[in-house]
Amino acid sequence: MTSSPTPQAVSYVIELLPEQTGGRGISVVYRYSQNLDSALILWLIAGRP
């Protein structure tokens, strides 16, 4: 979890290792707003198999 420019939103990173995905690492960076009950995906990063 990282700090955000808005106090109502928090940024998170989820990483899936190649062992979990069958050969390709995936990272998702998203920001969640509790006030809006919504998430915005900022980055979706997929590594090479």
N, C-alpha and C. Protein backbone atom coordinates (compact mmCIF):
# COMPACT_ATOMS: atom_id res chain seq x y z
N MET A 1 0.85 -1.16 0.00
CA MET A 1 0.00 0.00 0.00
C MET A 1 0.90 1.23 0.00
N THR A 2 0.55 2.23 -0.79
CA THR A 2 1.33 3.46 -0.87
C THR A 2 0.43 4.65 -0.58
N SER A 3 1.07 5.78 -0.34
CA SER A 3 0.27 6.98 -0.08
C SER A 3 -0.31 7.52 -1.38
N SER A 4 -1.38 8.27 -1.26
CA SER A 4 -2.07 8.83 -2.42
C SER A 4 -2.18 10.33 -2.28
N PRO A 5 -2.34 11.02 -3.41
CA PRO A 5 -2.53 12.46 -3.32
C PRO A 5 -3.86 12.85 -2.71
N THR A 6 -4.84 11.95 -2.73
CA THR A 6 -6.16 12.21 -2.16
C THR A 6 -6.33 11.38 -0.89
N PRO A 7 -6.72 11.98 0.21
CA PRO A 7 -6.87 11.20 1.43
C PRO A 7 -7.99 10.15 1.36
N GLN A 8 -8.94 10.32 0.46
CA GLN A 8 -10.05 9.38 0.34
C GLN A 8 -9.71 8.17 -0.52
N ALA A 9 -8.56 8.16 -1.18
CA ALA A 9 -8.17 7.07 -2.06
C ALA A 9 -6.83 6.49 -1.61
N VAL A 10 -6.67 5.19 -1.76
CA VAL A 10 -5.45 4.49 -1.39
C VAL A 10 -4.99 3.67 -2.59
N SER A 11 -3.68 3.68 -2.86
CA SER A 11 -3.13 2.90 -3.96
C SER A 11 -2.61 1.56 -3.46
N TYR A 12 -2.79 0.52 -4.27
CA TYR A 12 -2.34 -0.83 -3.94
C TYR A 12 -1.59 -1.42 -5.13
N VAL A 13 -0.72 -2.39 -4.85
CA VAL A 13 -0.04 -3.16 -5.89
C VAL A 13 -0.26 -4.63 -5.57
N ILE A 14 -0.67 -5.38 -6.59
CA ILE A 14 -0.81 -6.83 -6.47
C ILE A 14 0.14 -7.45 -7.48
N GLU A 15 0.98 -8.38 -7.04
CA GLU A 15 1.93 -9.04 -7.93
C GLU A 15 1.65 -10.53 -7.95
N LEU A 16 1.56 -11.07 -9.14
CA LEU A 16 1.41 -12.51 -9.34
C LEU A 16 2.70 -13.02 -9.97
N LEU A 17 3.36 -13.95 -9.33
CA LEU A 17 4.62 -14.48 -9.82
C LEU A 17 4.40 -15.45 -10.97
N PRO A 18 5.42 -15.67 -11.80
CA PRO A 18 5.28 -16.60 -12.91
C PRO A 18 4.81 -18.00 -12.48
N GLU A 19 5.21 -18.42 -11.30
CA GLU A 19 4.79 -19.73 -10.79
C GLU A 19 3.28 -19.78 -10.56
N GLN A 20 2.68 -18.64 -10.26
CA GLN A 20 1.24 -18.57 -10.00
C GLN A 20 0.42 -18.46 -11.29
N THR A 21 1.04 -17.93 -12.35
CA THR A 21 0.28 -17.65 -13.57
C THR A 21 0.62 -18.59 -14.72
N GLY A 22 1.54 -19.51 -14.50
CA GLY A 22 1.91 -20.43 -15.57
C GLY A 22 2.97 -19.89 -16.50
N GLY A 23 3.80 -18.96 -16.04
CA GLY A 23 4.93 -18.53 -16.86
C GLY A 23 5.09 -17.05 -17.08
N ARG A 24 4.13 -16.23 -16.71
CA ARG A 24 4.23 -14.79 -16.96
C ARG A 24 3.89 -14.05 -15.66
N GLY A 25 4.82 -13.20 -15.20
CA GLY A 25 4.55 -12.39 -14.02
C GLY A 25 3.63 -11.23 -14.38
N ILE A 26 2.72 -10.92 -13.48
CA ILE A 26 1.76 -9.84 -13.72
C ILE A 26 1.70 -8.95 -12.47
N SER A 27 1.74 -7.64 -12.70
CA SER A 27 1.56 -6.68 -11.62
C SER A 27 0.39 -5.76 -11.96
N VAL A 28 -0.43 -5.49 -10.97
CA VAL A 28 -1.58 -4.58 -11.14
C VAL A 28 -1.44 -3.49 -10.09
N VAL A 29 -1.44 -2.24 -10.54
CA VAL A 29 -1.42 -1.09 -9.64
C VAL A 29 -2.77 -0.41 -9.77
N TYR A 30 -3.46 -0.27 -8.64
CA TYR A 30 -4.77 0.36 -8.71
C TYR A 30 -5.00 1.26 -7.51
N ARG A 31 -5.94 2.17 -7.66
CA ARG A 31 -6.32 3.10 -6.60
C ARG A 31 -7.77 2.82 -6.24
N TYR A 32 -8.02 2.69 -4.94
CA TYR A 32 -9.37 2.41 -4.46
C TYR A 32 -9.89 3.61 -3.68
N SER A 33 -11.10 4.03 -3.98
CA SER A 33 -11.76 5.12 -3.27
C SER A 33 -12.92 4.56 -2.46
N GLN A 34 -12.81 4.64 -1.15
CA GLN A 34 -13.88 4.13 -0.30
C GLN A 34 -15.14 4.98 -0.43
N ASN A 35 -14.97 6.29 -0.61
CA ASN A 35 -16.12 7.18 -0.73
C ASN A 35 -16.97 6.83 -1.96
N LEU A 36 -16.30 6.50 -3.06
CA LEU A 36 -17.00 6.17 -4.30
C LEU A 36 -17.25 4.67 -4.45
N ASP A 37 -16.67 3.86 -3.55
CA ASP A 37 -16.73 2.40 -3.63
C ASP A 37 -16.35 1.93 -5.03
N SER A 38 -15.18 2.42 -5.49
CA SER A 38 -14.73 2.08 -6.84
C SER A 38 -13.21 1.98 -6.88
N ALA A 39 -12.71 1.29 -7.91
CA ALA A 39 -11.28 1.14 -8.11
C ALA A 39 -10.92 1.59 -9.51
N LEU A 40 -9.75 2.19 -9.65
CA LEU A 40 -9.24 2.62 -10.94
C LEU A 40 -7.90 1.93 -11.16
N ILE A 41 -7.78 1.12 -12.22
CA ILE A 41 -6.52 0.46 -12.54
C ILE A 41 -5.61 1.48 -13.20
N LEU A 42 -4.46 1.73 -12.56
CA LEU A 42 -3.50 2.70 -13.07
C LEU A 42 -2.51 2.05 -14.02
N TRP A 43 -2.04 0.86 -13.68
CA TRP A 43 -1.06 0.14 -14.48
C TRP A 43 -1.38 -1.35 -14.45
N LEU A 44 -1.20 -1.99 -15.60
CA LEU A 44 -1.26 -3.45 -15.71
C LEU A 44 0.02 -3.85 -16.43
N ILE A 45 0.91 -4.54 -15.73
CA ILE A 45 2.23 -4.85 -16.27
C ILE A 45 2.37 -6.36 -16.37
N ALA A 46 2.67 -6.86 -17.55
CA ALA A 46 2.86 -8.30 -17.77
C ALA A 46 4.28 -8.52 -18.25
N GLY A 47 4.98 -9.46 -17.60
CA GLY A 47 6.35 -9.78 -17.99
C GLY A 47 6.38 -10.78 -19.14
N ARG A 48 7.55 -11.03 -19.63
CA ARG A 48 7.74 -11.99 -20.72
C ARG A 48 7.72 -13.41 -20.16
N PRO A 49 7.17 -14.34 -20.92
CA PRO A 49 7.17 -15.74 -20.45
C PRO A 49 8.54 -16.35 -20.48
